[in-house]
Amino acid sequence: MYGDEATVRKILTELGDTWAVVGLSNNRQRAAYGVAEVLQRFGKRVVPVHPKAESVHGEQGYASLAEIPFDVDVVDVFVNSDLAGAVADEAVAKGVRAVWFQLGVVDEAAYGRTRDAGLAMVMDRCPAIEIPRLG
């Protein structure tokens, strides 16, 4: 398990409310679209990060984490596992507080690097499933 309950709770409740969602576009069929909606419903600011830099759910989109001109607390990663490590490294470079790899996104080396850099990290879980459980 990559992310114990205490880490899940800490990311969702203590580490900040600005979430960059990597892979978020206006495609309503993609999981990222629905998860971002849930995060917003629970008070998170969702910042779309996608090569198209589309605005989604009323928030300006950016083509990369580096292009976001303000601080981000958590990076939620909706890309294939083979691309996720590079995103985690970008998140560390950006100075975020936590990285969250979605269900099915697994990169053990990236998990280790991110944790070694001092960030909280969860992997292979979904915040839209976890956040309602916090009650």
C-alpha atoms as a PDB file:
ATOM      1  CA  MET A   1       0.000   0.000   0.000  1.00  0.00           C
ATOM      2  CA  TYR A   2       1.480   3.308  -1.085  1.00  0.00           C
ATOM      3  CA  GLY A   3      -0.087   5.782   1.259  1.00  0.00           C
ATOM      4  CA  ASP A   4      -1.306   4.876   4.719  1.00  0.00           C
ATOM      5  CA  GLU A   5      -4.522   6.329   6.094  1.00  0.00           C
ATOM      6  CA  ALA A   6      -2.672   9.007   8.054  1.00  0.00           C
ATOM      7  CA  THR A   7      -0.927  10.246   4.893  1.00  0.00           C
ATOM      8  CA  VAL A   8      -4.191  10.206   2.928  1.00  0.00           C
ATOM      9  CA  ARG A   9      -5.907  12.250   5.663  1.00  0.00           C
ATOM     10  CA  LYS A  10      -2.968  14.658   5.947  1.00  0.00           C
ATOM     11  CA  ILE A  11      -2.928  15.382   2.200  1.00  0.00           C
ATOM     12  CA  LEU A  12      -6.687  15.850   2.039  1.00  0.00           C
ATOM     13  CA  THR A  13      -7.087  17.967   5.180  1.00  0.00           C
ATOM     14  CA  GLU A  14      -3.811  19.632   6.176  1.00  0.00           C
ATOM     15  CA  LEU A  15      -1.487  20.258   3.244  1.00  0.00           C
ATOM     16  CA  GLY A  16      -3.471  22.887   1.374  1.00  0.00           C
ATOM     17  CA  ASP A  17      -6.367  23.392  -0.962  1.00  0.00           C
ATOM     18  CA  THR A  18      -4.726  24.160  -4.326  1.00  0.00           C
ATOM     19  CA  TRP A  19      -4.525  20.991  -6.394  1.00  0.00           C
ATOM     20  CA  ALA A  20      -2.917  20.799  -9.832  1.00  0.00           C
ATOM     21  CA  VAL A  21      -4.598  17.946 -11.700  1.00  0.00           C
ATOM     22  CA  VAL A  22      -2.208  16.667 -14.372  1.00  0.00           C
ATOM     23  CA  GLY A  23      -4.125  15.181 -17.282  1.00  0.00           C
ATOM     24  CA  LEU A  24      -7.313  17.188 -16.663  1.00  0.00           C
ATOM     25  CA  SER A  25      -9.121  18.301 -19.815  1.00  0.00           C
ATOM     26  CA  ASN A  26     -12.713  19.031 -20.812  1.00  0.00           C
ATOM     27  CA  ASN A  27     -13.238  15.404 -21.824  1.00  0.00           C
ATOM     28  CA  ARG A  28     -16.128  14.448 -19.550  1.00  0.00           C
ATOM     29  CA  GLN A  29     -15.492  10.750 -20.228  1.00  0.00           C
ATOM     30  CA  ARG A  30     -12.107  10.848 -18.493  1.00  0.00           C
ATOM     31  CA  ALA A  31     -11.841  10.059 -14.795  1.00  0.00           C
ATOM     32  CA  ALA A  32      -9.886  13.257 -14.139  1.00  0.00           C
ATOM     33  CA  TYR A  33     -12.923  15.363 -15.062  1.00  0.00           C
ATOM     34  CA  GLY A  34     -15.173  13.747 -12.459  1.00  0.00           C
ATOM     35  CA  VAL A  35     -12.500  13.584  -9.767  1.00  0.00           C
ATOM     36  CA  ALA A  36     -11.762  17.302 -10.222  1.00  0.00           C
ATOM     37  CA  GLU A  37     -15.480  18.003  -9.786  1.00  0.00           C
ATOM     38  CA  VAL A  38     -15.495  16.090  -6.493  1.00  0.00           C
ATOM     39  CA  LEU A  39     -12.378  17.911  -5.272  1.00  0.00           C
ATOM     40  CA  GLN A  40     -14.050  21.252  -6.031  1.00  0.00           C
ATOM     41  CA  ARG A  41     -17.195  20.178  -4.197  1.00  0.00           C
ATOM     42  CA  PHE A  42     -15.020  19.555  -1.130  1.00  0.00           C
ATOM     43  CA  GLY A  43     -13.470  23.020  -1.316  1.00  0.00           C
ATOM     44  CA  LYS A  44     -10.305  22.401  -3.313  1.00  0.00           C
ATOM     45  CA  ARG A  45      -9.109  24.770  -6.015  1.00  0.00           C
ATOM     46  CA  VAL A  46      -8.449  22.590  -9.055  1.00  0.00           C
ATOM     47  CA  VAL A  47      -5.838  23.755 -11.568  1.00  0.00           C
ATOM     48  CA  PRO A  48      -5.947  21.866 -14.893  1.00  0.00           C
ATOM     49  CA  VAL A  49      -2.571  20.787 -16.298  1.00  0.00           C
ATOM     50  CA  HIS A  50      -2.759  19.395 -19.832  1.00  0.00           C
ATOM     51  CA  PRO A  51      -0.866  20.021 -23.083  1.00  0.00           C
ATOM     52  CA  LYS A  52      -3.983  21.778 -24.450  1.00  0.00           C
ATOM     53  CA  ALA A  53      -4.002  24.177 -21.433  1.00  0.00           C
ATOM     54  CA  GLU A  54      -7.806  24.197 -21.467  1.00  0.00           C
ATOM     55  CA  SER A  55      -9.854  25.948 -18.820  1.00  0.00           C
ATOM     56  CA  VAL A  56     -11.853  23.299 -16.957  1.00  0.00           C
ATOM     57  CA  HIS A  57     -14.469  23.708 -14.213  1.00  0.00           C
ATOM     58  CA  GLY A  58     -13.964  27.473 -14.351  1.00  0.00           C
ATOM     59  CA  GLU A  59     -10.205  27.347 -13.745  1.00  0.00           C
ATOM     60  CA  GLN A  60      -7.484  28.461 -16.177  1.00  0.00           C
ATOM     61  CA  GLY A  61      -5.468  25.558 -17.537  1.00  0.00           C
ATOM     62  CA  TYR A  62      -1.704  25.336 -17.965  1.00  0.00           C
ATOM     63  CA  ALA A  63       0.405  23.190 -20.278  1.00  0.00           C
ATOM     64  CA  SER A  64       2.806  22.172 -17.490  1.00  0.00           C
ATOM     65  CA  LEU A  65       3.328  22.489 -13.742  1.00  0.00           C
ATOM     66  CA  ALA A  66       6.197  24.906 -14.354  1.00  0.00           C
ATOM     67  CA  GLU A  67       3.840  27.334 -16.137  1.00  0.00           C
ATOM     68  CA  ILE A  68       1.516  27.729 -13.130  1.00  0.00           C
ATOM     69  CA  PRO A  69       2.346  31.229 -11.814  1.00  0.00           C
ATOM     70  CA  PHE A  70       1.323  30.574  -8.204  1.00  0.00           C
ATOM     71  CA  ASP A  71       1.965  28.038  -5.459  1.00  0.00           C
ATOM     72  CA  VAL A  72       0.402  24.598  -5.678  1.00  0.00           C
ATOM     73  CA  ASP A  73      -0.074  22.395  -2.628  1.00  0.00           C
ATOM     74  CA  VAL A  74      -0.840  18.983  -4.148  1.00  0.00           C
ATOM     75  CA  VAL A  75      -0.246  17.491  -7.593  1.00  0.00           C
ATOM     76  CA  ASP A  76      -2.820  14.845  -8.575  1.00  0.00           C
ATOM     77  CA  VAL A  77      -1.468  12.710 -11.427  1.00  0.00           C
ATOM     78  CA  PHE A  78      -3.727  11.201 -14.114  1.00  0.00           C
ATOM     79  CA  VAL A  79      -1.099  10.113 -16.629  1.00  0.00           C
ATOM     80  CA  ASN A  80       0.186   6.661 -17.523  1.00  0.00           C
ATOM     81  CA  SER A  81       2.602   5.130 -15.042  1.00  0.00           C
ATOM     82  CA  ASP A  82       5.477   5.435 -17.521  1.00  0.00           C
ATOM     83  CA  LEU A  83       5.018   9.234 -17.567  1.00  0.00           C
ATOM     84  CA  ALA A  84       4.181   9.701 -13.893  1.00  0.00           C
ATOM     85  CA  GLY A  85       7.746   9.724 -12.579  1.00  0.00           C
ATOM     86  CA  ALA A  86       8.635  12.784 -14.640  1.00  0.00           C
ATOM     87  CA  VAL A  87       5.531  14.550 -13.312  1.00  0.00           C
ATOM     88  CA  ALA A  88       6.511  13.689  -9.731  1.00  0.00           C
ATOM     89  CA  ASP A  89       9.975  15.130 -10.367  1.00  0.00           C
ATOM     90  CA  GLU A  90       8.391  18.324 -11.761  1.00  0.00           C
ATOM     91  CA  ALA A  91       6.216  18.515  -8.644  1.00  0.00           C
ATOM     92  CA  VAL A  92       9.280  18.290  -6.404  1.00  0.00           C
ATOM     93  CA  ALA A  93      10.975  21.022  -8.468  1.00  0.00           C
ATOM     94  CA  LYS A  94       7.852  23.210  -8.208  1.00  0.00           C
ATOM     95  CA  GLY A  95       7.986  22.972  -4.410  1.00  0.00           C
ATOM     96  CA  VAL A  96       4.609  21.368  -3.791  1.00  0.00           C
ATOM     97  CA  ARG A  97       3.776  19.680  -0.504  1.00  0.00           C
ATOM     98  CA  ALA A  98       2.334  16.398  -1.767  1.00  0.00           C
ATOM     99  CA  VAL A  99       1.926  14.189  -4.827  1.00  0.00           C
ATOM    100  CA  TRP A 100      -1.019  11.886  -5.433  1.00  0.00           C
ATOM    101  CA  PHE A 101      -0.866   9.168  -8.121  1.00  0.00           C
ATOM    102  CA  GLN A 102      -4.355   8.056  -9.149  1.00  0.00           C
ATOM    103  CA  LEU A 103      -5.712   4.506  -9.190  1.00  0.00           C
ATOM    104  CA  GLY A 104      -3.604   2.413 -11.539  1.00  0.00           C
ATOM    105  CA  VAL A 105      -0.720   4.904 -11.612  1.00  0.00           C
ATOM    106  CA  VAL A 106       2.291   3.193 -10.042  1.00  0.00           C
ATOM    107  CA  ASP A 107       5.974   4.086 -10.166  1.00  0.00           C
ATOM    108  CA  GLU A 108       7.841   2.787  -7.133  1.00  0.00           C
ATOM    109  CA  ALA A 109      11.054   4.649  -7.988  1.00  0.00           C
ATOM    110  CA  ALA A 110       9.156   7.948  -8.264  1.00  0.00           C
ATOM    111  CA  TYR A 111       7.419   7.197  -4.977  1.00  0.00           C
ATOM    112  CA  GLY A 112      10.800   6.752  -3.307  1.00  0.00           C
ATOM    113  CA  ARG A 113      12.301   9.889  -4.855  1.00  0.00           C
ATOM    114  CA  THR A 114       9.304  11.993  -3.905  1.00  0.00           C
ATOM    115  CA  ARG A 115       9.245  10.756  -0.320  1.00  0.00           C
ATOM    116  CA  ASP A 116      13.038  11.211  -0.062  1.00  0.00           C
ATOM    117  CA  ALA A 117      12.519  14.845  -1.150  1.00  0.00           C
ATOM    118  CA  GLY A 118      10.292  15.300   1.908  1.00  0.00           C
ATOM    119  CA  LEU A 119       6.893  15.327   0.202  1.00  0.00           C
ATOM    120  CA  ALA A 120       3.861  13.375   1.329  1.00  0.00           C
ATOM    121  CA  MET A 121       2.823  10.908  -1.348  1.00  0.00           C
ATOM    122  CA  VAL A 122      -0.005   8.510  -2.098  1.00  0.00           C
ATOM    123  CA  MET A 123      -0.013   6.143  -5.042  1.00  0.00           C
ATOM    124  CA  ASP A 124      -2.692   3.967  -6.653  1.00  0.00           C
ATOM    125  CA  ARG A 125      -5.595   5.610  -4.791  1.00  0.00           C
ATOM    126  CA  CYS A 126      -8.287   8.132  -5.653  1.00  0.00           C
ATOM    127  CA  PRO A 127      -8.993  11.295  -3.637  1.00  0.00           C
ATOM    128  CA  ALA A 128     -12.600  11.334  -4.845  1.00  0.00           C
ATOM    129  CA  ILE A 129     -13.072   7.980  -3.099  1.00  0.00           C
ATOM    130  CA  GLU A 130     -11.099   8.969  -0.006  1.00  0.00           C
ATOM    131  CA  ILE A 131     -12.318  12.511   0.717  1.00  0.00           C
ATOM    132  CA  PRO A 132     -15.991  11.616   1.408  1.00  0.00           C
ATOM    133  CA  ARG A 133     -14.798   9.029   3.962  1.00  0.00           C
ATOM    134  CA  LEU A 134     -13.223  11.719   6.105  1.00  0.00           C
ATOM    135  CA  GLY A 135     -16.664  12.945   7.140  1.00  0.00           C
END
